[in-house]
Amino acid sequence: MEGKENRNLFISTAIDYVNASPHLGHALEKIQADAIARYYRLEGRDVFFLTGSDENSLKNVRAAEKEGVSVQELVDVNAAKFQELKGILNLSFDDFIRTTQERHIKGVEKLWQKCFENGDLYLGEYEGLYCVGCEAYYTPEELENGCCPEHHIPPEQIKEKNWFFKLSRYQESIKEAIKGGKLEIIPESRQNEILSFLQKDLKDICVSRSNERAKNWGISVPNDNTQKIWCWFDALGNYITALGYGSNGEKFKEYWQNGEVMHVIGKGISRFHAVYWAGILLSAGVKLPDKIFVHGYITVNGQKMSKSLGNVVDPFELVEKYSQKVGEEAAVDAMRYFLLREISSTEDGDFTYDKFEARYNSDLAKGLGNLTSRIISLALRTGEQEPISRLGHKGQGFLDDIKKQYKEKMDNLEFSGALESIWRLIKYCDQYIDRKKPWERESTDHVISNLLILLKEIAVLLVPFLPKTSKKILKQLGLTDFDKEVSQCVVEKGEPLFPRLQ
């Protein structure tokens, strides 16, 4: 059997509600997924990276009513803003799925029909609590002081005839898949939360809403024109509808059924993915995802981002603010660096402008930027034309250790740790320059040669994190791509990678 490391890799983010513009929390998830995708492409794997927009929710309907526009107009405008994140965050996603697209509707109808044919969908009466913010049903026991634990507002009381999915039928199968490693949830603490939830008796879940409550917006239940499919059943299907599930497309076979599948999601929706989505897939006879990577939230000055508090950070405005000071490419990579270095990959992390600027000046301007400038300047000053040598035993040993640590951290999705290993290499190069003082030597004794080799290695390791900066370093080394050896390279002085912020 083909090893996992050789299989095609499918990476997805959650698709976002488009009732409003994107914020920094959305940027974090997209950048994390992008770093994973770029890393595994660098490793030689065939990667398909998906993101998209969740457009069939009640949140969108109510936001449109509030703004006095049609729901279609609202989702068109905001979905476009989410698509624009590709440029402003320098993302490398391969597809952007919208849940109002025909390919998605067709796939969700097929998914519903498969579950229906398996006897897992039935009509019943739902009476209970519903949070429109989460688009989720709650029991009274799950509330905190009578409020949704996620949005801290009282849920609505609902009573109507709906379709239900027999989630209870798959409780043991889901539990076995997680315990046996078939469905891995990262980090382990999130996996333990899901297993704890699965210790209780699972209840069947309501998977539709009346046309009246849905305001006639969403995907109609096949063979029941009085109901719309619950947006979570609909939205979760995006991962396979984008790959052509509705039309038995080749990508679905290549990247889902025969590939390795990884979802990158926030902690607030882990149950939907690890339990509800798993149950739906088992019912429809579709392979389970291999990994669900769960990240935390971004706070701002220690508080959760909230429109009411006025502390929502807009990634477009953040890049624009610093583009005026250091240039757009430096601003984009600086934002990527901060979110991957300062914010733990699996826990909540805090953003402040002071922290952002401190990281920028210390790590990027003074650290990476200064080292690159030093090495290129030394190479130009000495005019060393001798062939590039291999690193000595000591230097090669240190580099090998760094690359081993880097790979371990990236394979474990520990982005901050991987970046820390790169900055260990940057510090090593600075100390090497200070110790050897090549400007005082008649012969540089391959010091410049060694530094150029190490700078190229730094550029390669930076690809998942700072792709624009990585290319700039490569250009200053006189190389056109990462496969080229640093052999008699013709270095050229470039603009500072990260001009210092005053």
Protein backbone atom coordinates (compact mmCIF):
# COMPACT_ATOMS: atom_id res chain seq x y z
CA MET A 1 0.00 0.00 0.00
CA GLU A 2 1.24 3.49 -0.86
CA GLY A 3 2.63 5.36 2.13
CA LYS A 4 0.75 8.33 3.50
CA GLU A 5 3.67 10.62 2.76
CA ASN A 6 3.30 9.86 -0.96
CA ARG A 7 -0.46 10.25 -1.22
CA ASN A 8 -2.14 13.35 -2.60
CA LEU A 9 -2.97 15.78 0.20
CA PHE A 10 -6.24 17.70 0.51
CA ILE A 11 -6.19 20.67 2.93
CA SER A 12 -9.25 22.77 3.71
CA THR A 13 -10.15 25.64 5.96
CA ALA A 14 -13.65 26.05 7.31
CA ILE A 15 -15.84 28.03 4.95
CA ASP A 16 -16.82 31.39 6.41
CA TYR A 17 -20.18 33.00 7.03
CA VAL A 18 -20.37 36.01 4.73
CA ASN A 19 -22.71 38.15 6.81
CA ALA A 20 -19.78 40.55 7.33
CA SER A 21 -16.24 41.30 6.13
CA PRO A 22 -13.27 39.10 7.10
CA HIS A 23 -11.35 39.80 10.31
CA LEU A 24 -7.93 38.78 11.65
CA GLY A 25 -9.29 35.47 13.00
CA HIS A 26 -10.19 34.46 9.45
CA ALA A 27 -6.71 35.49 8.34
CA LEU A 28 -5.09 33.28 11.00
CA GLU A 29 -6.86 30.14 9.79
CA LYS A 30 -6.14 30.83 6.11
CA ILE A 31 -2.46 31.55 6.78
CA GLN A 32 -2.05 28.42 8.90
CA ALA A 33 -3.56 26.26 6.16
CA ASP A 34 -1.46 28.03 3.54
CA ALA A 35 1.75 27.36 5.50
CA ILE A 36 0.85 23.66 5.67
CA ALA A 37 0.06 23.54 1.94
CA ARG A 38 3.29 25.30 0.94
CA TYR A 39 5.35 23.10 3.27
CA TYR A 40 4.07 19.85 1.81
CA ARG A 41 4.39 21.13 -1.76
CA LEU A 42 8.01 21.89 -0.89
CA GLU A 43 8.27 18.28 0.30
CA GLY A 44 7.17 17.16 -3.16
CA ARG A 45 3.57 16.23 -2.41
CA ASP A 46 0.60 16.92 -4.68
CA VAL A 47 -1.54 19.30 -2.59
CA PHE A 48 -5.05 20.63 -3.19
CA PHE A 49 -5.88 23.57 -0.91
CA LEU A 50 -9.53 24.64 -0.56
CA THR A 51 -11.34 27.50 1.12
CA GLY A 52 -14.69 29.15 0.53
CA SER A 53 -17.85 30.87 1.78
CA ASP A 54 -20.90 29.61 3.67
CA GLU A 55 -23.81 31.48 2.09
CA ASN A 56 -26.98 29.59 3.05
CA SER A 57 -27.21 30.56 6.72
CA LEU A 58 -29.86 32.49 8.63
CA LYS A 59 -27.09 34.87 9.70
CA ASN A 60 -26.79 36.00 6.09
CA VAL A 61 -30.56 36.36 5.71
CA ARG A 62 -30.83 38.55 8.80
CA ALA A 63 -27.75 40.61 7.91
CA ALA A 64 -29.28 41.32 4.48
CA GLU A 65 -32.59 42.34 6.07
CA LYS A 66 -30.73 44.70 8.40
CA GLU A 67 -28.84 46.29 5.50
CA GLY A 68 -31.94 46.50 3.33
CA VAL A 69 -30.48 44.47 0.45
CA SER A 70 -31.25 41.07 -1.06
CA VAL A 71 -29.51 38.05 0.44
CA GLN A 72 -27.88 37.32 -2.92
CA GLU A 73 -26.48 40.84 -3.10
CA LEU A 74 -25.08 40.58 0.42
CA VAL A 75 -23.37 37.23 -0.11
CA ASP A 76 -21.98 38.30 -3.50
CA VAL A 77 -20.33 41.39 -2.00
CA ASN A 78 -18.91 39.68 1.08
CA ALA A 79 -17.84 36.46 -0.66
CA ALA A 80 -15.78 38.64 -3.00
CA LYS A 81 -14.03 40.18 0.03
CA PHE A 82 -13.10 36.73 1.32
CA GLN A 83 -11.78 35.77 -2.11
CA GLU A 84 -9.64 38.93 -2.06
CA LEU A 85 -7.79 37.54 0.98
CA LYS A 86 -5.83 35.47 -1.53
CA GLY A 87 -3.95 38.55 -2.64
CA ILE A 88 -3.68 40.45 0.63
CA LEU A 89 -2.46 37.38 2.57
CA ASN A 90 -0.53 35.85 -0.35
CA LEU A 91 -2.50 32.60 -0.13
CA SER A 92 -1.98 29.67 -2.49
CA PHE A 93 -5.43 28.04 -2.38
CA ASP A 94 -6.45 26.09 -5.47
CA ASP A 95 -10.18 26.63 -5.28
CA PHE A 96 -12.79 28.81 -3.59
CA ILE A 97 -16.16 27.11 -3.14
CA ARG A 98 -19.36 29.10 -2.70
CA THR A 99 -22.35 27.21 -1.32
CA THR A 100 -24.69 28.99 -3.73
CA GLN A 101 -22.86 27.48 -6.71
CA GLU A 102 -24.61 24.81 -8.75
CA ARG A 103 -21.76 22.32 -8.29
CA HIS A 104 -22.24 22.57 -4.54
CA ILE A 105 -26.02 22.33 -4.62
CA LYS A 106 -25.82 19.25 -6.83
CA GLY A 107 -23.32 17.60 -4.48
CA VAL A 108 -25.33 18.36 -1.32
CA GLU A 109 -28.48 16.93 -2.91
CA LYS A 110 -26.54 13.75 -3.69
CA LEU A 111 -25.15 13.59 -0.12
CA TRP A 112 -28.67 14.00 1.31
CA GLN A 113 -30.02 11.32 -0.99
CA LYS A 114 -27.29 8.85 0.03
CA CYS A 115 -28.13 9.37 3.72
CA PHE A 116 -31.85 9.04 2.92
CA GLU A 117 -31.34 5.79 0.99
CA ASN A 118 -29.40 4.42 3.96
CA GLY A 119 -32.42 5.04 6.19
CA ASP A 120 -30.76 7.79 8.22
CA LEU A 121 -33.14 10.67 7.52
CA TYR A 122 -36.65 10.87 8.93
CA LEU A 123 -39.37 13.46 9.63
CA GLY A 124 -40.01 14.51 13.23
CA GLU A 125 -40.89 17.52 15.32
CA TYR A 126 -38.16 19.72 16.72
CA GLU A 127 -38.73 21.79 19.80
CA GLY A 128 -35.77 23.42 21.45
CA LEU A 129 -33.15 26.14 21.43
CA TYR A 130 -31.30 27.52 18.42
CA CYS A 131 -28.45 30.04 18.25
CA VAL A 132 -28.42 31.81 14.90
CA GLY A 133 -24.85 33.03 15.58
CA CYS A 134 -23.59 29.43 15.72
CA GLU A 135 -26.33 28.11 13.42
CA ALA A 136 -26.57 25.37 16.04
CA TYR A 137 -29.06 23.67 18.32
CA TYR A 138 -28.47 23.64 22.08
CA THR A 139 -29.84 21.80 25.07
CA PRO A 140 -30.48 23.81 28.27
CA GLU A 141 -27.53 21.99 29.92
CA GLU A 142 -25.14 23.32 27.29
CA LEU A 143 -25.95 26.97 27.95
CA GLU A 144 -24.00 29.27 30.24
CA ASN A 145 -26.31 31.41 32.36
CA GLY A 146 -29.02 30.80 29.80
CA CYS A 147 -26.82 31.98 26.91
CA CYS A 148 -24.97 30.39 24.01
CA PRO A 149 -21.41 29.64 25.29
CA GLU A 150 -19.92 30.94 22.04
CA HIS A 151 -21.87 34.17 21.44
CA HIS A 152 -23.15 34.88 24.98
CA ILE A 153 -26.69 35.65 23.85
CA PRO A 154 -29.91 33.74 24.65
CA PRO A 155 -30.82 31.26 21.90
CA GLU A 156 -34.24 31.33 20.20
CA GLN A 157 -37.02 28.90 21.10
CA ILE A 158 -38.01 26.88 18.01
CA LYS A 159 -40.86 24.46 17.40
CA GLU A 160 -41.52 23.00 13.95
CA LYS A 161 -41.65 19.86 11.84
CA ASN A 162 -38.20 19.03 10.42
CA TRP A 163 -35.99 16.30 9.04
CA PHE A 164 -33.65 14.51 11.45
CA PHE A 165 -30.39 12.62 10.88
CA LYS A 166 -29.76 9.38 12.84
CA LEU A 167 -26.47 10.50 14.36
CA SER A 168 -26.97 8.10 17.27
CA ARG A 169 -26.56 5.19 14.87
CA TYR A 170 -22.90 6.16 14.30
CA GLN A 171 -21.78 6.95 17.85
CA GLU A 172 -19.64 3.84 18.33
CA SER A 173 -18.19 3.96 14.80
CA ILE A 174 -17.05 7.56 15.28
CA LYS A 175 -15.59 6.77 18.69
CA GLU A 176 -13.68 3.77 17.29
CA ALA A 177 -12.35 5.82 14.37
CA ILE A 178 -10.93 8.44 16.74
CA LYS A 179 -9.54 6.00 19.30
CA GLY A 180 -8.00 3.84 16.56
CA GLY A 181 -6.27 6.79 14.88
CA LYS A 182 -8.32 6.58 11.69
CA LEU A 183 -9.62 10.08 12.47
CA GLU A 184 -6.93 12.08 14.27
CA ILE A 185 -7.83 15.28 16.09
CA ILE A 186 -5.00 17.72 16.82
CA PRO A 187 -4.18 18.76 19.53
CA GLU A 188 -4.81 15.85 21.88
CA SER A 189 -6.75 18.10 24.27
CA ARG A 190 -9.38 18.71 21.57
CA GLN A 191 -9.50 14.99 20.80
CA ASN A 192 -10.15 14.29 24.47
CA GLU A 193 -12.99 16.83 24.44
CA ILE A 194 -14.64 15.04 21.54
CA LEU A 195 -14.20 11.61 23.13
CA SER A 196 -15.72 12.97 26.33
CA PHE A 197 -18.71 14.24 24.34
CA LEU A 198 -19.05 10.80 22.73
CA GLN A 199 -19.27 9.18 26.16
CA LYS A 200 -22.80 10.59 26.46
CA ASP A 201 -25.69 9.19 24.43
CA LEU A 202 -25.75 10.98 21.10
CA LYS A 203 -29.08 12.44 20.08
CA ASP A 204 -30.27 12.51 16.49
CA ILE A 205 -29.81 15.98 15.00
CA CYS A 206 -32.27 18.23 13.20
CA VAL A 207 -31.00 18.82 9.66
CA SER A 208 -33.63 21.03 8.05
CA ARG A 209 -35.70 24.14 8.70
CA SER A 210 -39.05 25.28 7.34
CA ASN A 211 -39.10 27.53 4.30
CA GLU A 212 -40.82 30.12 6.48
CA ARG A 213 -38.02 30.20 9.07
CA ALA A 214 -35.37 30.07 6.34
CA LYS A 215 -37.11 32.97 4.54
CA ASN A 216 -37.02 30.65 1.55
CA TRP A 217 -33.19 30.93 1.37
CA GLY A 218 -30.97 27.86 1.05
CA ILE A 219 -30.94 24.44 -0.63
CA SER A 220 -34.32 22.70 -0.77
CA VAL A 221 -34.69 19.26 0.78
CA PRO A 222 -34.97 16.75 -2.10
CA ASN A 223 -38.62 15.63 -2.49
CA ASP A 224 -39.82 18.05 0.20
CA ASN A 225 -40.36 21.57 -1.10
CA THR A 226 -41.51 22.82 2.33
CA GLN A 227 -38.02 22.56 3.89
CA LYS A 228 -34.50 23.90 3.42
CA ILE A 229 -31.43 21.85 4.35
CA TRP A 230 -29.81 22.95 7.64
CA CYS A 231 -26.80 25.07 6.74
CA TRP A 232 -24.33 22.84 8.60
CA PHE A 233 -25.35 19.71 6.66
CA ASP A 234 -25.09 21.87 3.55
CA ALA A 235 -21.84 23.64 4.51
CA LEU A 236 -19.90 20.59 5.64
CA GLY A 237 -20.52 19.04 2.25
CA ASN A 238 -18.39 21.75 0.60
CA TYR A 239 -15.23 19.74 1.20
CA ILE A 240 -16.34 17.07 -1.24
CA THR A 241 -18.61 19.08 -3.54
CA ALA A 242 -15.63 21.28 -4.47
CA LEU A 243 -13.81 18.13 -5.57
CA GLY A 244 -16.67 17.07 -7.84
CA TYR A 245 -18.54 14.65 -5.55
CA GLY A 246 -21.83 15.58 -7.22
CA SER A 247 -20.57 14.47 -10.62
CA ASN A 248 -18.19 11.65 -9.54
CA GLY A 249 -15.25 13.88 -10.47
CA GLU A 250 -11.69 12.62 -10.67
CA LYS A 251 -10.46 15.11 -8.06
CA PHE A 252 -12.85 13.60 -5.51
CA LYS A 253 -11.28 10.20 -6.08
CA GLU A 254 -7.70 11.49 -6.24
CA TYR A 255 -7.71 13.84 -3.26
CA TRP A 256 -10.46 12.51 -0.98
CA GLN A 257 -11.11 8.82 -1.44
CA ASN A 258 -7.50 7.91 -2.29
CA GLY A 259 -5.66 10.85 -0.70
CA GLU A 260 -4.92 12.20 2.76
CA VAL A 261 -7.50 14.69 4.04
CA MET A 262 -6.86 17.44 6.60
CA HIS A 263 -9.36 20.02 7.87
CA VAL A 264 -8.05 23.23 9.48
CA ILE A 265 -10.77 24.68 11.75
CA GLY A 266 -11.40 26.82 14.83
CA LYS A 267 -12.14 25.31 18.23
CA GLY A 268 -15.76 26.47 18.22
CA ILE A 269 -16.74 24.09 15.42
CA SER A 270 -14.77 20.95 16.30
CA ARG A 271 -17.90 18.99 17.24
CA PHE A 272 -19.55 19.73 13.89
CA HIS A 273 -16.54 18.31 12.06
CA ALA A 274 -15.45 15.44 14.31
CA VAL A 275 -18.94 14.15 15.13
CA TYR A 276 -21.69 15.45 12.82
CA TRP A 277 -19.60 15.46 9.63
CA ALA A 278 -18.12 12.07 10.48
CA GLY A 279 -21.62 10.62 10.95
CA ILE A 280 -22.87 12.05 7.64
CA LEU A 281 -19.85 10.64 5.78
CA LEU A 282 -20.28 7.20 7.35
CA SER A 283 -23.94 7.21 6.34
CA ALA A 284 -23.14 8.25 2.77
CA GLY A 285 -20.35 5.68 2.41
CA VAL A 286 -17.63 8.31 1.99
CA LYS A 287 -14.17 8.06 3.59
CA LEU A 288 -13.58 9.99 6.82
CA PRO A 289 -11.01 12.81 6.93
CA ASP A 290 -7.61 11.72 8.26
CA LYS A 291 -6.89 14.78 10.42
CA ILE A 292 -8.80 17.62 11.99
CA PHE A 293 -6.42 20.36 13.12
CA VAL A 294 -8.08 22.68 15.63
CA HIS A 295 -6.68 26.15 16.33
CA GLY A 296 -7.64 28.70 18.98
CA TYR A 297 -8.95 32.25 18.72
CA ILE A 298 -7.27 35.62 18.43
CA THR A 299 -7.93 38.13 21.18
CA VAL A 300 -7.13 41.84 20.92
CA ASN A 301 -5.56 43.37 24.01
CA GLY A 302 -6.79 40.33 25.91
CA GLN A 303 -10.41 40.60 24.75
CA LYS A 304 -12.27 38.52 22.17
CA MET A 305 -12.77 40.44 18.93
CA SER A 306 -16.24 41.99 18.88
CA LYS A 307 -17.98 44.63 16.77
CA SER A 308 -19.70 45.95 19.89
CA LEU A 309 -16.33 46.50 21.56
CA GLY A 310 -14.94 48.08 18.41
CA ASN A 311 -11.78 45.97 18.51
CA VAL A 312 -12.17 43.94 15.32
CA VAL A 313 -8.91 43.97 13.35
CA ASP A 314 -9.41 44.11 9.59
CA PRO A 315 -6.54 42.35 7.73
CA PHE A 316 -6.94 44.67 4.75
CA GLU A 317 -6.59 47.73 6.96
CA LEU A 318 -3.65 46.18 8.82
CA VAL A 319 -1.72 45.58 5.60
CA GLU A 320 -2.62 49.04 4.29
CA LYS A 321 -1.46 50.70 7.52
CA TYR A 322 2.00 49.13 7.37
CA SER A 323 2.31 49.17 3.58
CA GLN A 324 2.54 52.94 3.83
CA LYS A 325 5.53 52.56 6.16
CA VAL A 326 7.46 49.54 4.86
CA GLY A 327 5.90 48.55 1.53
CA GLU A 328 3.13 46.06 0.79
CA GLU A 329 5.25 42.91 0.42
CA ALA A 330 7.01 43.48 3.74
CA ALA A 331 3.67 44.27 5.42
CA VAL A 332 2.01 41.08 4.10
CA ASP A 333 4.87 38.81 5.16
CA ALA A 334 5.11 40.59 8.51
CA MET A 335 1.46 39.81 9.22
CA ARG A 336 1.98 36.19 8.21
CA TYR A 337 5.05 36.00 10.43
CA PHE A 338 3.33 37.50 13.47
CA LEU A 339 0.32 35.18 13.27
CA LEU A 340 2.46 32.06 12.83
CA ARG A 341 5.20 32.99 15.31
CA GLU A 342 3.39 34.86 18.09
CA ILE A 343 0.09 32.92 18.12
CA SER A 344 0.24 29.31 19.31
CA SER A 345 -1.02 26.97 16.59
CA THR A 346 -3.52 25.32 18.94
CA GLU A 347 -4.27 27.85 21.70
CA ASP A 348 -5.73 31.36 21.90
CA GLY A 349 -3.28 34.18 21.22
CA ASP A 350 -3.34 37.94 21.61
CA PHE A 351 -2.80 40.66 19.02
CA THR A 352 -1.74 44.19 19.78
CA TYR A 353 -0.08 46.73 17.52
CA ASP A 354 2.77 47.06 20.04
CA LYS A 355 3.45 43.31 19.91
CA PHE A 356 3.25 43.34 16.13
CA GLU A 357 5.75 46.18 15.79
CA ALA A 358 8.10 44.67 18.37
CA ARG A 359 8.20 41.35 16.47
CA TYR A 360 8.67 43.21 13.21
CA ASN A 361 11.64 45.26 14.39
CA SER A 362 13.42 42.56 16.42
CA ASP A 363 12.87 39.44 14.32
CA LEU A 364 12.36 40.75 10.79
CA ALA A 365 14.16 44.09 10.44
CA LYS A 366 17.04 43.50 12.88
CA GLY A 367 17.11 39.71 12.49
CA LEU A 368 16.40 38.31 9.03
CA GLY A 369 16.63 41.58 7.12
CA ASN A 370 19.90 42.65 8.70
CA LEU A 371 21.54 39.23 8.22
CA THR A 372 20.61 39.13 4.53
CA SER A 373 22.01 42.63 4.03
CA ARG A 374 25.25 41.72 5.89
CA ILE A 375 25.88 38.58 3.83
CA ILE A 376 25.14 40.20 0.46
CA SER A 377 27.26 43.26 1.35
CA LEU A 378 30.18 41.06 2.45
CA ALA A 379 30.00 39.03 -0.76
CA LEU A 380 30.00 42.17 -2.88
CA ARG A 381 32.77 43.81 -0.83
CA THR A 382 35.17 40.86 -0.97
CA GLY A 383 34.39 40.11 -4.58
CA GLU A 384 34.95 36.45 -3.84
CA GLN A 385 34.89 34.55 -7.11
CA GLU A 386 36.06 31.14 -5.94
CA PRO A 387 33.64 28.24 -6.44
CA ILE A 388 31.23 27.73 -3.61
CA SER A 389 32.47 25.02 -1.31
CA ARG A 390 30.49 22.61 0.78
CA LEU A 391 29.87 23.49 4.40
CA GLY A 392 32.43 22.19 6.83
CA HIS A 393 31.60 19.30 9.12
CA LYS A 394 30.57 21.55 12.03
CA GLY A 395 28.41 23.88 9.93
CA GLN A 396 26.75 21.00 8.09
CA GLY A 397 26.04 19.24 11.37
CA PHE A 398 24.35 22.33 12.80
CA LEU A 399 22.31 22.83 9.62
CA ASP A 400 21.19 19.18 9.63
CA ASP A 401 20.02 19.52 13.23
CA ILE A 402 18.07 22.66 12.38
CA LYS A 403 16.40 21.01 9.37
CA LYS A 404 15.51 17.94 11.43
CA GLN A 405 13.95 20.09 14.16
CA TYR A 406 12.14 22.19 11.55
CA LYS A 407 10.64 19.10 9.90
CA GLU A 408 9.51 17.64 13.23
CA LYS A 409 7.82 20.89 14.17
CA MET A 410 6.10 21.31 10.80
CA ASP A 411 4.92 17.69 10.69
CA ASN A 412 3.40 18.30 14.14
CA LEU A 413 1.87 21.59 12.91
CA GLU A 414 3.91 23.62 15.42
CA PHE A 415 4.52 26.71 13.31
CA SER A 416 6.07 28.85 16.01
CA GLY A 417 8.57 26.10 16.84
CA ALA A 418 9.52 25.71 13.17
CA LEU A 419 10.12 29.45 12.88
CA GLU A 420 12.14 29.38 16.09
CA SER A 421 14.47 26.83 14.49
CA ILE A 422 14.99 29.12 11.48
CA TRP A 423 15.84 32.01 13.78
CA ARG A 424 18.38 29.80 15.54
CA LEU A 425 20.06 29.45 12.15
CA ILE A 426 19.89 33.22 11.60
CA LYS A 427 21.56 33.79 14.99
CA TYR A 428 24.21 31.17 14.14
CA CYS A 429 25.07 33.05 10.92
CA ASP A 430 25.35 36.40 12.73
CA GLN A 431 27.65 34.87 15.35
CA TYR A 432 29.71 33.19 12.59
CA ILE A 433 30.25 36.57 10.89
CA ASP A 434 31.20 38.24 14.17
CA ARG A 435 33.63 35.43 15.01
CA LYS A 436 35.31 35.13 11.59
CA LYS A 437 35.43 38.88 10.72
CA PRO A 438 35.94 38.20 7.00
CA TRP A 439 36.57 41.91 6.28
CA GLU A 440 39.85 41.65 8.22
CA ARG A 441 41.19 38.66 6.22
CA GLU A 442 43.28 38.60 3.07
CA SER A 443 41.53 35.37 2.19
CA THR A 444 37.95 34.86 3.35
CA ASP A 445 38.70 31.13 3.72
CA HIS A 446 35.29 30.15 2.37
CA VAL A 447 33.50 32.20 5.04
CA ILE A 448 31.42 34.04 2.40
CA SER A 449 30.83 30.76 0.58
CA ASN A 450 29.45 29.19 3.76
CA LEU A 451 27.26 32.18 4.48
CA LEU A 452 25.74 32.16 0.98
CA ILE A 453 24.93 28.46 1.32
CA LEU A 454 23.27 29.02 4.69
CA LEU A 455 21.33 32.06 3.43
CA LYS A 456 19.91 29.96 0.62
CA GLU A 457 18.88 27.29 3.15
CA ILE A 458 17.15 29.98 5.22
CA ALA A 459 15.27 31.14 2.13
CA VAL A 460 14.05 27.61 1.44
CA LEU A 461 12.90 27.05 5.03
CA LEU A 462 11.01 30.35 4.92
CA VAL A 463 8.86 29.37 1.91
CA PRO A 464 5.78 28.24 3.92
CA PHE A 465 5.89 31.34 6.12
CA LEU A 466 7.29 34.31 4.19
CA PRO A 467 6.96 33.36 0.51
CA LYS A 468 7.55 36.87 -0.86
CA THR A 469 10.61 37.41 1.32
CA SER A 470 11.97 34.00 0.39
CA LYS A 471 11.87 34.94 -3.30
CA LYS A 472 13.54 38.28 -2.61
CA ILE A 473 16.44 36.53 -0.86
CA LEU A 474 16.75 34.11 -3.75
CA LYS A 475 16.92 37.00 -6.20
CA GLN A 476 19.68 38.69 -4.19
CA LEU A 477 21.59 35.41 -4.35
CA GLY A 478 21.30 35.52 -8.12
CA LEU A 479 19.22 32.32 -8.25
CA THR A 480 16.02 31.75 -10.21
CA ASP A 481 14.58 28.86 -8.20
CA PHE A 482 15.24 26.74 -5.13
CA ASP A 483 16.59 23.79 -7.08
CA LYS A 484 19.62 25.81 -8.22
CA GLU A 485 22.85 25.26 -6.33
CA VAL A 486 24.67 28.23 -4.81
CA SER A 487 27.56 27.75 -7.21
CA GLN A 488 29.42 30.82 -8.42
CA CYS A 489 26.24 32.77 -7.88
CA VAL A 490 26.29 36.43 -8.86
CA VAL A 491 24.87 38.26 -5.87
CA GLU A 492 23.09 41.56 -6.24
CA LYS A 493 22.15 44.16 -3.66
CA GLY A 494 18.44 44.57 -3.16
CA GLU A 495 16.20 46.89 -1.21
CA PRO A 496 16.01 46.18 2.55
CA LEU A 497 13.70 43.23 3.15
CA PHE A 498 12.12 44.84 6.21
CA PRO A 499 12.78 48.59 6.63
CA ARG A 500 12.84 49.37 10.34
CA LEU A 501 9.63 50.77 11.84
CA GLN A 502 10.17 54.01 13.71
